[in-house]
C-alpha atoms as a PDB file:
ATOM      1  CA  MET A   1     -16.526 -49.402  22.385  1.00  0.00           C
ATOM      2  CA  ALA A   2     -17.163 -49.719  18.448  1.00  0.00           C
ATOM      3  CA  HIS A   3     -14.418 -51.084  16.301  1.00  0.00           C
ATOM      4  CA  LEU A   4     -13.215 -48.552  13.322  1.00  0.00           C
ATOM      5  CA  SER A   5     -12.715 -50.327  10.086  1.00  0.00           C
ATOM      6  CA  ARG A   6      -8.890 -50.821   8.852  1.00  0.00           C
ATOM      7  CA  PRO A   7      -9.331 -47.603   5.873  1.00  0.00           C
ATOM      8  CA  LEU A   8     -10.714 -45.598   8.407  1.00  0.00           C
ATOM      9  CA  GLN A   9      -7.803 -46.160  10.978  1.00  0.00           C
ATOM     10  CA  ARG A  10      -5.676 -45.348   8.387  1.00  0.00           C
ATOM     11  CA  GLY A  11      -7.661 -42.121   7.541  1.00  0.00           C
ATOM     12  CA  ALA A  12      -7.412 -41.223  10.651  1.00  0.00           C
ATOM     13  CA  LEU A  13      -3.348 -41.706  11.214  1.00  0.00           C
ATOM     14  CA  LEU A  14      -2.909 -39.687   8.475  1.00  0.00           C
ATOM     15  CA  ALA A  15      -4.964 -37.163   9.280  1.00  0.00           C
ATOM     16  CA  SER A  16      -3.124 -37.000  12.568  1.00  0.00           C
ATOM     17  CA  ALA A  17       0.458 -36.444  11.026  1.00  0.00           C
ATOM     18  CA  ILE A  18      -0.616 -33.611   8.468  1.00  0.00           C
ATOM     19  CA  ALA A  19      -1.608 -32.024  11.546  1.00  0.00           C
ATOM     20  CA  VAL A  20       1.843 -32.832  13.623  1.00  0.00           C
ATOM     21  CA  LEU A  21       3.653 -31.781  10.571  1.00  0.00           C
ATOM     22  CA  GLY A  22       1.578 -27.879  10.138  1.00  0.00           C
ATOM     23  CA  LEU A  23       2.112 -27.354  13.957  1.00  0.00           C
ATOM     24  CA  LEU A  24       6.099 -27.818  13.418  1.00  0.00           C
ATOM     25  CA  THR A  25       5.810 -25.683  10.364  1.00  0.00           C
ATOM     26  CA  ALA A  26       4.439 -23.054  12.092  1.00  0.00           C
ATOM     27  CA  CYS A  27       6.711 -23.240  14.692  1.00  0.00           C
ATOM     28  CA  GLY A  28      10.182 -22.821  12.174  1.00  0.00           C
ATOM     29  CA  ASN A  29       8.578 -20.191  10.930  1.00  0.00           C
ATOM     30  CA  ASP A  30       8.374 -18.410  14.513  1.00  0.00           C
ATOM     31  CA  HIS A  31      11.666 -18.721  14.918  1.00  0.00           C
ATOM     32  CA  ALA A  32      12.994 -17.389  12.005  1.00  0.00           C
ATOM     33  CA  GLY A  33      11.083 -14.253  12.412  1.00  0.00           C
ATOM     34  CA  ALA A  34      12.750 -14.055  15.666  1.00  0.00           C
ATOM     35  CA  GLY A  35      16.084 -14.215  14.430  1.00  0.00           C
ATOM     36  CA  PRO A  36      16.889 -10.753  12.840  1.00  0.00           C
ATOM     37  CA  ARG A  37      15.286  -9.268  16.219  1.00  0.00           C
ATOM     38  CA  SER A  38      18.149 -11.015  18.199  1.00  0.00           C
ATOM     39  CA  VAL A  39      20.964 -10.241  16.361  1.00  0.00           C
ATOM     40  CA  SER A  40      19.609  -6.118  15.908  1.00  0.00           C
ATOM     41  CA  GLY A  41      19.468  -6.197  20.088  1.00  0.00           C
ATOM     42  CA  THR A  42      22.965  -7.650  20.214  1.00  0.00           C
ATOM     43  CA  ALA A  43      24.399  -5.029  17.572  1.00  0.00           C
ATOM     44  CA  ALA A  44      23.446  -1.810  19.388  1.00  0.00           C
ATOM     45  CA  PRO A  45      25.985  -2.366  21.916  1.00  0.00           C
ATOM     46  CA  ALA A  46      28.779  -3.399  19.742  1.00  0.00           C
ATOM     47  CA  THR A  47      28.235  -0.331  17.554  1.00  0.00           C
ATOM     48  CA  GLY A  48      28.236   2.498  20.602  1.00  0.00           C
ATOM     49  CA  THR A  49      31.783   0.881  21.508  1.00  0.00           C
ATOM     50  CA  GLY A  50      33.013   1.554  18.354  1.00  0.00           C
ATOM     51  CA  SER A  51      32.351   5.003  17.660  1.00  0.00           C
ATOM     52  CA  ALA A  52      33.406   5.950  21.649  1.00  0.00           C
ATOM     53  CA  SER A  53      36.759   4.555  20.621  1.00  0.00           C
ATOM     54  CA  PRO A  54      37.958   7.172  18.006  1.00  0.00           C
ATOM     55  CA  SER A  55      36.458  10.166  19.821  1.00  0.00           C
ATOM     56  CA  SER A  56      38.320   9.199  22.608  1.00  0.00           C
ATOM     57  CA  SER A  57      41.627   8.816  21.160  1.00  0.00           C
ATOM     58  CA  ALA A  58      41.471  11.725  18.935  1.00  0.00           C
ATOM     59  CA  PRO A  59      41.578  14.223  21.153  1.00  0.00           C
ATOM     60  CA  GLY A  60      44.788  12.602  22.453  1.00  0.00           C
ATOM     61  CA  SER A  61      46.578  12.580  18.873  1.00  0.00           C
ATOM     62  CA  ALA A  62      46.069  16.074  18.767  1.00  0.00           C
ATOM     63  CA  THR A  63      47.568  16.890  22.194  1.00  0.00           C
ATOM     64  CA  ASP A  64      50.411  15.007  21.327  1.00  0.00           C
ATOM     65  CA  THR A  65      51.368  16.368  18.156  1.00  0.00           C
ATOM     66  CA  SER A  66      51.045  20.271  19.271  1.00  0.00           C
ATOM     67  CA  ALA A  67      53.037  19.199  22.274  1.00  0.00           C
ATOM     68  CA  ALA A  68      55.697  17.636  20.007  1.00  0.00           C
ATOM     69  CA  THR A  69      55.636  20.526  17.806  1.00  0.00           C
ATOM     70  CA  GLY A  70      56.149  23.147  20.564  1.00  0.00           C
ATOM     71  CA  THR A  71      58.828  21.666  22.343  1.00  0.00           C
ATOM     72  CA  ALA A  72      60.947  21.145  19.090  1.00  0.00           C
ATOM     73  CA  SER A  73      60.372  24.609  18.459  1.00  0.00           C
ATOM     74  CA  ALA A  74      60.766  26.148  21.762  1.00  0.00           C
ATOM     75  CA  HIS A  75      62.925  24.318  23.828  1.00  0.00           C
ATOM     76  CA  PRO A  76      65.201  21.496  22.146  1.00  0.00           C
ATOM     77  CA  LYS A  77      66.243  18.612  24.586  1.00  0.00           C
ATOM     78  CA  PRO A  78      69.703  16.922  24.355  1.00  0.00           C
ATOM     79  CA  ALA A  79      69.945  13.920  22.125  1.00  0.00           C
ATOM     80  CA  THR A  80      70.910  11.568  25.296  1.00  0.00           C
ATOM     81  CA  PRO A  81      68.544  12.572  28.029  1.00  0.00           C
ATOM     82  CA  SER A  82      70.225  12.582  31.436  1.00  0.00           C
ATOM     83  CA  ALA A  83      69.395  13.582  35.037  1.00  0.00           C
ATOM     84  CA  THR A  84      70.988  17.052  34.697  1.00  0.00           C
ATOM     85  CA  GLY A  85      69.386  17.729  31.317  1.00  0.00           C
ATOM     86  CA  ALA A  86      66.257  17.240  32.706  1.00  0.00           C
ATOM     87  CA  SER A  87      66.369  19.633  35.851  1.00  0.00           C
ATOM     88  CA  SER A  88      67.601  22.259  33.700  1.00  0.00           C
ATOM     89  CA  GLY A  89      65.899  21.729  30.308  1.00  0.00           C
ATOM     90  CA  GLY A  90      66.132  24.390  27.792  1.00  0.00           C
ATOM     91  CA  THR A  91      67.408  26.748  30.081  1.00  0.00           C
ATOM     92  CA  GLY A  92      70.309  25.406  31.183  1.00  0.00           C
ATOM     93  CA  THR A  93      70.821  25.446  27.130  1.00  0.00           C
ATOM     94  CA  LYS A  94      69.923  28.682  27.050  1.00  0.00           C
ATOM     95  CA  ALA A  95      72.017  29.661  30.038  1.00  0.00           C
ATOM     96  CA  GLY A  96      75.652  28.506  28.486  1.00  0.00           C
ATOM     97  CA  SER A  97      74.742  29.735  24.571  1.00  0.00           C
ATOM     98  CA  THR A  98      73.984  33.309  26.332  1.00  0.00           C
ATOM     99  CA  GLY A  99      77.040  33.293  28.613  1.00  0.00           C
ATOM    100  CA  SER A 100      79.845  33.573  25.452  1.00  0.00           C
ATOM    101  CA  ARG A 101      77.105  35.508  23.018  1.00  0.00           C
ATOM    102  CA  CYS A 102      77.459  39.381  22.461  1.00  0.00           C
ATOM    103  CA  HIS A 103      74.536  40.570  23.416  1.00  0.00           C
ATOM    104  CA  THR A 104      73.674  44.404  22.236  1.00  0.00           C
ATOM    105  CA  SER A 105      74.454  45.807  25.138  1.00  0.00           C
ATOM    106  CA  ASP A 106      78.185  44.663  24.977  1.00  0.00           C
ATOM    107  CA  LEU A 107      78.959  46.275  22.627  1.00  0.00           C
ATOM    108  CA  ARG A 108      79.588  49.480  20.758  1.00  0.00           C
ATOM    109  CA  ALA A 109      78.450  50.326  16.609  1.00  0.00           C
ATOM    110  CA  SER A 110      80.647  52.388  14.367  1.00  0.00           C
ATOM    111  CA  VAL A 111      80.783  53.022  10.250  1.00  0.00           C
ATOM    112  CA  GLY A 112      84.328  52.971   8.948  1.00  0.00           C
ATOM    113  CA  ARG A 113      85.683  55.116   5.949  1.00  0.00           C
ATOM    114  CA  ASN A 114      84.624  54.008   2.691  1.00  0.00           C
ATOM    115  CA  ASN A 115      86.682  51.903   0.663  1.00  0.00           C
ATOM    116  CA  PRO A 116      85.236  52.886  -3.311  1.00  0.00           C
ATOM    117  CA  GLY A 117      86.229  50.461  -6.390  1.00  0.00           C
ATOM    118  CA  ALA A 118      85.081  49.429  -9.562  1.00  0.00           C
ATOM    119  CA  GLY A 119      81.860  51.464  -8.981  1.00  0.00           C
ATOM    120  CA  GLN A 120      81.628  49.988  -5.568  1.00  0.00           C
ATOM    121  CA  GLU A 121      80.735  51.790  -2.149  1.00  0.00           C
ATOM    122  CA  ASN A 122      82.404  49.724   0.777  1.00  0.00           C
ATOM    123  CA  PHE A 123      81.667  50.390   4.210  1.00  0.00           C
ATOM    124  CA  PRO A 124      83.149  48.018   7.391  1.00  0.00           C
ATOM    125  CA  LEU A 125      80.242  48.410  10.145  1.00  0.00           C
ATOM    126  CA  VAL A 126      82.359  47.964  13.303  1.00  0.00           C
ATOM    127  CA  LEU A 127      81.237  46.224  16.838  1.00  0.00           C
ATOM    128  CA  THR A 128      83.888  46.773  19.591  1.00  0.00           C
ATOM    129  CA  ASN A 129      83.449  45.024  22.685  1.00  0.00           C
ATOM    130  CA  LYS A 130      82.626  47.348  25.429  1.00  0.00           C
ATOM    131  CA  SER A 131      82.072  45.196  28.518  1.00  0.00           C
ATOM    132  CA  ALA A 132      84.228  43.535  31.222  1.00  0.00           C
ATOM    133  CA  ARG A 133      83.705  39.974  29.758  1.00  0.00           C
ATOM    134  CA  THR A 134      84.770  37.997  26.832  1.00  0.00           C
ATOM    135  CA  CYS A 135      82.305  37.206  23.983  1.00  0.00           C
ATOM    136  CA  THR A 136      81.984  36.164  20.476  1.00  0.00           C
ATOM    137  CA  LEU A 137      80.122  37.257  17.407  1.00  0.00           C
ATOM    138  CA  ARG A 138      79.337  34.437  14.321  1.00  0.00           C
ATOM    139  CA  GLY A 139      77.555  35.382  11.718  1.00  0.00           C
ATOM    140  CA  PHE A 140      75.757  38.155   9.658  1.00  0.00           C
ATOM    141  CA  PRO A 141      74.513  41.784  11.311  1.00  0.00           C
ATOM    142  CA  GLY A 142      71.332  43.204  10.633  1.00  0.00           C
ATOM    143  CA  ALA A 143      71.190  46.663   9.040  1.00  0.00           C
ATOM    144  CA  ALA A 144      68.764  49.460   8.030  1.00  0.00           C
ATOM    145  CA  PHE A 145      69.231  52.677   6.649  1.00  0.00           C
ATOM    146  CA  VAL A 146      66.341  55.210   8.474  1.00  0.00           C
ATOM    147  CA  ASN A 147      65.914  58.654   8.081  1.00  0.00           C
ATOM    148  CA  ALA A 148      65.197  61.676  10.710  1.00  0.00           C
ATOM    149  CA  SER A 149      61.672  60.054  11.668  1.00  0.00           C
ATOM    150  CA  GLY A 150      63.162  56.355  11.947  1.00  0.00           C
ATOM    151  CA  SER A 151      61.425  55.308   8.968  1.00  0.00           C
ATOM    152  CA  GLN A 152      63.546  52.927   6.562  1.00  0.00           C
ATOM    153  CA  LEU A 153      64.720  53.655   3.540  1.00  0.00           C
ATOM    154  CA  GLY A 154      65.059  50.576   1.068  1.00  0.00           C
ATOM    155  CA  PRO A 155      64.414  47.236   1.146  1.00  0.00           C
ATOM    156  CA  ASP A 156      66.961  45.092   3.801  1.00  0.00           C
ATOM    157  CA  PRO A 157      69.853  44.242   2.669  1.00  0.00           C
ATOM    158  CA  LYS A 158      71.005  40.800   1.540  1.00  0.00           C
ATOM    159  CA  ARG A 159      73.435  38.500   2.732  1.00  0.00           C
ATOM    160  CA  GLU A 160      76.225  37.793   0.294  1.00  0.00           C
ATOM    161  CA  SER A 161      77.758  34.179   0.197  1.00  0.00           C
ATOM    162  CA  GLY A 162      80.099  33.259   2.948  1.00  0.00           C
ATOM    163  CA  SER A 163      80.747  30.602   5.574  1.00  0.00           C
ATOM    164  CA  ALA A 164      80.473  32.419   8.993  1.00  0.00           C
ATOM    165  CA  ALA A 165      83.326  31.990  11.854  1.00  0.00           C
ATOM    166  CA  ALA A 166      82.806  32.679  15.619  1.00  0.00           C
ATOM    167  CA  VAL A 167      84.639  36.259  16.246  1.00  0.00           C
ATOM    168  CA  THR A 168      86.077  35.809  19.758  1.00  0.00           C
ATOM    169  CA  LEU A 169      86.205  39.623  21.374  1.00  0.00           C
ATOM    170  CA  LYS A 170      88.051  40.286  24.559  1.00  0.00           C
ATOM    171  CA  PRO A 171      87.399  43.658  26.360  1.00  0.00           C
ATOM    172  CA  GLY A 172      87.912  46.246  23.548  1.00  0.00           C
ATOM    173  CA  GLN A 173      88.458  44.049  20.658  1.00  0.00           C
ATOM    174  CA  SER A 174      86.220  44.544  17.727  1.00  0.00           C
ATOM    175  CA  ALA A 175      85.077  43.088  14.796  1.00  0.00           C
ATOM    176  CA  TRP A 176      83.783  44.155  11.335  1.00  0.00           C
ATOM    177  CA  ALA A 177      81.326  43.134   8.599  1.00  0.00           C
ATOM    178  CA  GLY A 178      80.969  44.596   5.060  1.00  0.00           C
ATOM    179  CA  LEU A 179      78.188  46.732   3.637  1.00  0.00           C
ATOM    180  CA  THR A 180      78.461  47.036  -0.083  1.00  0.00           C
ATOM    181  CA  PHE A 181      76.145  48.677  -2.663  1.00  0.00           C
ATOM    182  CA  SER A 182      76.555  49.997  -5.982  1.00  0.00           C
ATOM    183  CA  ASN A 183      77.421  53.986  -6.672  1.00  0.00           C
ATOM    184  CA  PRO A 184      73.739  55.340  -7.770  1.00  0.00           C
ATOM    185  CA  GLU A 185      75.687  57.746  -9.665  1.00  0.00           C
ATOM    186  CA  VAL A 186      76.964  54.457 -12.157  1.00  0.00           C
ATOM    187  CA  SER A 187      73.851  52.636 -11.685  1.00  0.00           C
ATOM    188  CA  GLY A 188      71.323  55.224 -11.631  1.00  0.00           C
ATOM    189  CA  ALA A 189      69.415  53.918  -8.913  1.00  0.00           C
ATOM    190  CA  THR A 190      66.611  55.684  -6.957  1.00  0.00           C
ATOM    191  CA  THR A 191      68.730  57.416  -3.768  1.00  0.00           C
ATOM    192  CA  GLY A 192      68.062  58.523  -0.869  1.00  0.00           C
ATOM    193  CA  THR A 193      70.100  60.151   2.484  1.00  0.00           C
ATOM    194  CA  PRO A 194      69.801  58.023   5.531  1.00  0.00           C
ATOM    195  CA  SER A 195      70.398  60.273   9.022  1.00  0.00           C
ATOM    196  CA  ALA A 196      71.398  56.847  10.237  1.00  0.00           C
ATOM    197  CA  LEU A 197      72.335  53.166  10.233  1.00  0.00           C
ATOM    198  CA  LEU A 198      70.770  50.714  12.821  1.00  0.00           C
ATOM    199  CA  ILE A 199      72.877  47.219  13.052  1.00  0.00           C
ATOM    200  CA  THR A 200      71.934  44.344  14.933  1.00  0.00           C
ATOM    201  CA  PRO A 201      74.380  41.812  16.143  1.00  0.00           C
ATOM    202  CA  PRO A 202      73.701  38.562  15.052  1.00  0.00           C
ATOM    203  CA  ASP A 203      71.091  36.855  17.100  1.00  0.00           C
ATOM    204  CA  GLU A 204      70.228  40.053  18.482  1.00  0.00           C
ATOM    205  CA  ARG A 205      66.526  41.871  18.380  1.00  0.00           C
ATOM    206  CA  ASP A 206      68.340  45.168  19.961  1.00  0.00           C
ATOM    207  CA  SER A 207      69.671  47.453  17.030  1.00  0.00           C
ATOM    208  CA  LEU A 208      72.725  50.341  17.855  1.00  0.00           C
ATOM    209  CA  LYS A 209      72.150  53.267  15.888  1.00  0.00           C
ATOM    210  CA  VAL A 210      74.855  54.940  14.232  1.00  0.00           C
ATOM    211  CA  ALA A 211      75.096  58.080  12.502  1.00  0.00           C
ATOM    212  CA  TRP A 212      75.465  58.144   8.743  1.00  0.00           C
ATOM    213  CA  THR A 213      77.749  60.505   6.845  1.00  0.00           C
ATOM    214  CA  GLY A 214      78.268  58.107   3.474  1.00  0.00           C
ATOM    215  CA  GLY A 215      75.880  60.441   1.488  1.00  0.00           C
ATOM    216  CA  THR A 216      73.212  59.133  -0.609  1.00  0.00           C
ATOM    217  CA  VAL A 217      72.452  55.176  -0.812  1.00  0.00           C
ATOM    218  CA  PRO A 218      70.211  53.492  -3.418  1.00  0.00           C
ATOM    219  CA  VAL A 219      66.588  52.686  -2.314  1.00  0.00           C
ATOM    220  CA  SER A 220      64.675  51.473  -5.703  1.00  0.00           C
ATOM    221  CA  GLY A 221      65.513  50.760  -9.503  1.00  0.00           C
ATOM    222  CA  ASN A 222      68.045  49.117 -11.069  1.00  0.00           C
ATOM    223  CA  SER A 223      71.119  47.560  -8.965  1.00  0.00           C
ATOM    224  CA  SER A 224      70.143  49.137  -5.734  1.00  0.00           C
ATOM    225  CA  SER A 225      70.532  46.265  -3.483  1.00  0.00           C
ATOM    226  CA  VAL A 226      72.480  46.535  -0.455  1.00  0.00           C
ATOM    227  CA  PHE A 227      74.730  43.804   0.436  1.00  0.00           C
ATOM    228  CA  LEU A 228      76.342  42.720   3.831  1.00  0.00           C
ATOM    229  CA  SER A 229      79.114  39.829   4.789  1.00  0.00           C
ATOM    230  CA  VAL A 230      79.568  38.006   7.690  1.00  0.00           C
ATOM    231  CA  PHE A 231      82.247  39.293  10.802  1.00  0.00           C
ATOM    232  CA  SER A 232      85.577  38.936  10.681  1.00  0.00           C
ATOM    233  CA  PRO A 233      88.180  40.316  13.260  1.00  0.00           C
ATOM    234  CA  GLY A 234      89.311  43.868  13.294  1.00  0.00           C
ATOM    235  CA  THR A 235      87.893  46.737  12.228  1.00  0.00           C
ATOM    236  CA  GLY A 236      87.756  46.536   8.055  1.00  0.00           C
ATOM    237  CA  ALA A 237      90.880  49.447   8.098  1.00  0.00           C
END
Protein backbone atom coordinates (compact mmCIF):
# COMPACT_ATOMS: atom_id res chain seq x y z
CA MET A 1 0.00 0.00 0.00
CA ALA A 2 1.35 3.43 -0.97
CA HIS A 3 2.07 5.88 1.86
CA LEU A 4 0.80 9.47 1.41
CA SER A 5 2.97 12.31 2.37
CA ARG A 6 2.06 14.36 5.43
CA PRO A 7 0.79 17.35 3.43
CA LEU A 8 -1.56 15.09 1.42
CA GLN A 9 -2.90 13.41 4.58
CA ARG A 10 -3.75 16.79 6.13
CA GLY A 11 -5.54 17.88 2.95
CA ALA A 12 -7.64 14.71 2.94
CA LEU A 13 -8.64 15.19 6.59
CA LEU A 14 -9.63 18.81 5.95
CA ALA A 15 -11.79 17.78 2.98
CA SER A 16 -13.54 15.11 5.09
CA ALA A 17 -14.26 17.62 7.88
CA ILE A 18 -15.82 20.09 5.39
CA ALA A 19 -18.01 17.34 3.96
CA VAL A 20 -19.28 16.35 7.43
CA LEU A 21 -20.10 20.00 8.30
CA GLY A 22 -22.04 20.33 5.04
CA LEU A 23 -24.14 17.28 5.87
CA LEU A 24 -24.88 18.57 9.40
CA THR A 25 -25.97 21.99 8.02
CA ALA A 26 -28.32 20.33 5.51
CA CYS A 27 -29.93 18.21 8.24
CA GLY A 28 -30.41 21.28 10.45
CA ASN A 29 -32.24 23.12 7.64
CA ASP A 30 -34.58 20.16 7.10
CA HIS A 31 -35.58 20.09 10.79
CA ALA A 32 -36.07 23.86 10.87
CA GLY A 33 -38.48 23.67 7.92
CA ALA A 34 -40.48 20.90 9.60
CA GLY A 35 -41.14 23.05 12.72
CA PRO A 36 -44.08 25.15 11.33
CA ARG A 37 -45.76 22.04 9.94
CA SER A 38 -45.65 20.42 13.38
CA VAL A 39 -47.14 23.55 15.08
CA SER A 40 -49.87 23.84 12.44
CA GLY A 41 -50.91 20.24 12.94
CA THR A 42 -51.15 20.75 16.72
CA ALA A 43 -53.18 24.01 16.48
CA ALA A 44 -56.01 22.59 14.36
CA PRO A 45 -57.72 20.58 17.16
CA ALA A 46 -57.26 23.43 19.63
CA THR A 47 -59.08 25.84 17.31
CA GLY A 48 -61.98 23.42 16.86
CA THR A 49 -62.43 23.03 20.62
CA GLY A 50 -62.40 26.80 21.25
CA SER A 51 -65.18 27.54 18.76
CA ALA A 52 -67.42 24.75 20.00
CA SER A 53 -67.45 25.98 23.59
CA PRO A 54 -69.10 29.42 23.01
CA SER A 55 -71.68 28.01 20.58
CA SER A 56 -72.78 25.39 23.09
CA SER A 57 -73.03 27.83 26.01
CA ALA A 58 -74.78 30.72 24.17
CA PRO A 59 -78.14 28.94 23.68
CA GLY A 60 -78.16 27.94 27.34
CA SER A 61 -77.66 31.55 28.41
CA ALA A 62 -80.44 32.81 26.14
CA THR A 63 -82.83 30.19 27.43
CA ASP A 64 -82.04 30.98 31.05
CA THR A 65 -82.63 34.70 30.43
CA SER A 66 -86.05 34.18 28.88
CA ALA A 67 -87.07 31.74 31.58
CA ALA A 68 -86.08 34.16 34.33
CA THR A 69 -88.02 36.96 32.66
CA GLY A 70 -91.11 34.77 32.27
CA THR A 71 -90.97 33.61 35.90
CA ALA A 72 -90.53 37.12 37.26
CA SER A 73 -93.44 38.56 35.26
CA ALA A 74 -95.94 35.68 35.32
CA HIS A 75 -95.23 33.55 38.36
CA PRO A 76 -93.57 35.44 41.24
CA LYS A 77 -91.98 33.09 43.75
CA PRO A 78 -91.95 33.57 47.53
CA ALA A 79 -88.75 34.98 48.97
CA THR A 80 -88.18 31.85 51.08
CA PRO A 81 -88.94 28.63 49.20
CA SER A 82 -90.80 25.96 51.11
CA ALA A 83 -92.37 22.62 50.38
CA THR A 84 -95.83 24.20 50.34
CA GLY A 85 -94.73 27.05 48.10
CA ALA A 86 -93.04 24.70 45.71
CA SER A 87 -96.17 22.57 45.27
CA SER A 88 -98.66 25.43 44.95
CA GLY A 89 -96.41 28.00 43.27
CA GLY A 90 -98.09 30.97 41.59
CA THR A 91 -101.50 29.28 41.64
CA GLY A 92 -101.53 29.15 45.43
CA THR A 93 -100.58 32.83 45.67
CA LYS A 94 -103.19 33.80 43.12
CA ALA A 95 -105.90 31.80 44.84
CA GLY A 96 -105.16 33.52 48.15
CA SER A 97 -105.41 37.02 46.66
CA THR A 98 -108.56 36.35 44.61
CA GLY A 99 -110.27 34.95 47.69
CA SER A 100 -110.37 38.39 49.35
CA ARG A 101 -110.57 40.78 46.38
CA CYS A 102 -113.93 41.90 45.03
CA HIS A 103 -114.53 40.70 41.49
CA THR A 104 -116.74 42.43 38.97
CA SER A 105 -119.32 39.65 39.35
CA ASP A 106 -119.52 40.39 43.10
CA LEU A 107 -120.46 44.03 42.61
CA ARG A 108 -123.25 46.34 41.53
CA ALA A 109 -122.40 49.83 40.19
CA SER A 110 -124.22 53.12 40.38
CA VAL A 111 -123.48 56.84 39.98
CA GLY A 112 -124.49 59.10 42.85
CA ARG A 113 -125.91 62.60 42.75
CA ASN A 114 -123.71 65.42 41.46
CA ASN A 115 -122.28 67.71 44.13
CA PRO A 116 -121.01 70.72 42.10
CA GLY A 117 -118.79 73.43 43.50
CA ALA A 118 -116.24 76.03 42.37
CA GLY A 119 -116.79 75.29 38.69
CA GLN A 120 -116.36 71.54 39.24
CA GLU A 121 -118.76 68.67 38.70
CA ASN A 122 -118.33 65.93 41.30
CA PHE A 123 -119.99 62.52 40.98
CA PRO A 124 -119.50 59.57 43.34
CA LEU A 125 -119.01 56.22 41.61
CA VAL A 126 -120.45 53.60 43.95
CA LEU A 127 -119.73 49.86 44.02
CA THR A 128 -121.89 47.71 46.29
CA ASN A 129 -121.12 44.14 47.33
CA LYS A 130 -124.05 42.06 46.06
CA SER A 131 -122.40 38.71 46.81
CA ALA A 132 -122.76 36.53 49.90
CA ARG A 133 -119.08 36.83 50.86
CA THR A 134 -116.90 39.59 52.31
CA CYS A 135 -114.40 41.09 49.85
CA THR A 136 -112.14 44.13 49.55
CA LEU A 137 -111.54 46.99 47.14
CA ARG A 138 -108.24 48.84 46.97
CA GLY A 139 -107.14 51.65 44.68
CA PHE A 140 -108.68 53.43 41.72
CA PRO A 141 -111.57 52.40 39.49
CA GLY A 142 -111.36 52.45 35.73
CA ALA A 143 -113.94 54.57 33.92
CA ALA A 144 -114.95 55.51 30.40
CA PHE A 145 -117.83 57.49 28.91
CA VAL A 146 -119.44 55.76 25.91
CA ASN A 147 -122.12 56.71 23.40
CA ALA A 148 -125.09 54.62 22.33
CA SER A 149 -122.97 52.57 19.93
CA GLY A 150 -120.41 51.79 22.64
CA SER A 151 -117.64 54.08 21.35
CA GLN A 152 -115.62 55.91 23.99
CA LEU A 153 -116.04 59.64 24.33
CA GLY A 154 -112.93 61.57 25.30
CA PRO A 155 -109.64 60.25 26.67
CA ASP A 156 -109.25 57.97 29.67
CA PRO A 157 -109.69 59.73 33.02
CA LYS A 158 -106.61 60.66 35.03
CA ARG A 159 -105.86 59.67 38.61
CA GLU A 160 -105.77 62.19 41.43
CA SER A 161 -103.00 61.95 44.00
CA GLY A 162 -103.91 59.90 47.04
CA SER A 163 -102.94 56.87 49.08
CA ALA A 164 -104.95 53.73 48.43
CA ALA A 165 -106.24 51.74 51.39
CA ALA A 166 -108.16 48.48 51.38
CA VAL A 167 -111.91 48.91 51.88
CA THR A 168 -113.59 45.80 53.27
CA LEU A 169 -117.14 45.24 52.05
CA LYS A 170 -119.47 42.88 53.80
CA PRO A 171 -122.50 41.76 51.79
CA GLY A 172 -124.62 44.83 51.06
CA GLN A 173 -121.92 47.40 51.92
CA SER A 174 -120.56 50.00 49.49
CA ALA A 175 -117.44 51.96 48.58
CA TRP A 176 -117.17 55.05 46.43
CA ALA A 177 -114.60 56.89 44.29
CA GLY A 178 -114.92 60.45 43.05
CA LEU A 179 -115.27 61.38 39.37
CA THR A 180 -114.55 65.08 38.83
CA PHE A 181 -114.29 67.42 35.83
CA SER A 182 -114.49 71.12 35.11
CA ASN A 183 -117.90 72.47 34.10
CA PRO A 184 -117.67 72.72 30.29
CA GLU A 185 -119.66 75.98 30.32
CA VAL A 186 -116.91 77.49 32.46
CA SER A 187 -113.87 75.88 30.81
CA GLY A 188 -115.06 76.14 27.22
CA ALA A 189 -114.13 72.51 26.52
CA THR A 190 -115.68 70.59 23.66
CA THR A 191 -118.46 68.41 25.02
CA GLY A 192 -120.26 65.17 24.35
CA THR A 193 -123.31 63.54 25.86
CA PRO A 194 -122.64 59.96 26.94
CA SER A 195 -125.34 57.34 27.12
CA ALA A 196 -123.48 55.28 29.70
CA LEU A 197 -120.44 55.12 31.97
CA LEU A 198 -118.30 51.98 32.17
CA ILE A 199 -116.85 51.37 35.64
CA THR A 200 -114.12 48.77 36.18
CA PRO A 201 -113.26 47.66 39.74
CA PRO A 202 -109.58 47.70 40.77
CA ASP A 203 -107.50 44.81 39.38
CA GLU A 204 -110.40 43.62 37.22
CA ARG A 205 -110.89 43.58 33.45
CA ASP A 206 -114.67 43.30 33.17
CA SER A 207 -116.66 46.51 33.49
CA LEU A 208 -120.08 47.41 34.87
CA LYS A 209 -122.29 49.59 32.67
CA VAL A 210 -124.31 52.37 34.25
CA ALA A 211 -126.71 54.68 32.41
CA TRP A 212 -125.35 58.25 32.44
CA THR A 213 -127.83 60.98 33.38
CA GLY A 214 -125.34 63.66 34.37
CA GLY A 215 -125.55 65.67 31.13
CA THR A 216 -122.68 66.78 28.92
CA VAL A 217 -119.07 65.99 29.74
CA PRO A 218 -115.80 67.43 28.40
CA VAL A 219 -114.22 65.32 25.65
CA SER A 220 -111.50 67.61 24.23
CA GLY A 221 -110.07 71.12 24.35
CA ASN A 222 -109.29 73.27 27.37
CA SER A 223 -109.64 71.72 30.83
CA SER A 224 -111.21 68.60 29.38
CA SER A 225 -109.53 66.13 31.74
CA VAL A 226 -111.65 63.90 33.95
CA PHE A 227 -110.17 62.80 37.29
CA LEU A 228 -110.74 59.78 39.53
CA SER A 229 -109.97 59.34 43.24
CA VAL A 230 -109.29 56.20 45.26
CA PHE A 231 -112.07 54.19 46.84
CA SER A 232 -113.33 55.08 50.30
CA PRO A 233 -115.99 53.45 52.50
CA GLY A 234 -119.61 54.52 52.03
CA THR A 235 -121.56 55.97 49.14
CA GLY A 236 -120.14 59.50 49.02
CA ALA A 237 -123.55 60.99 49.73
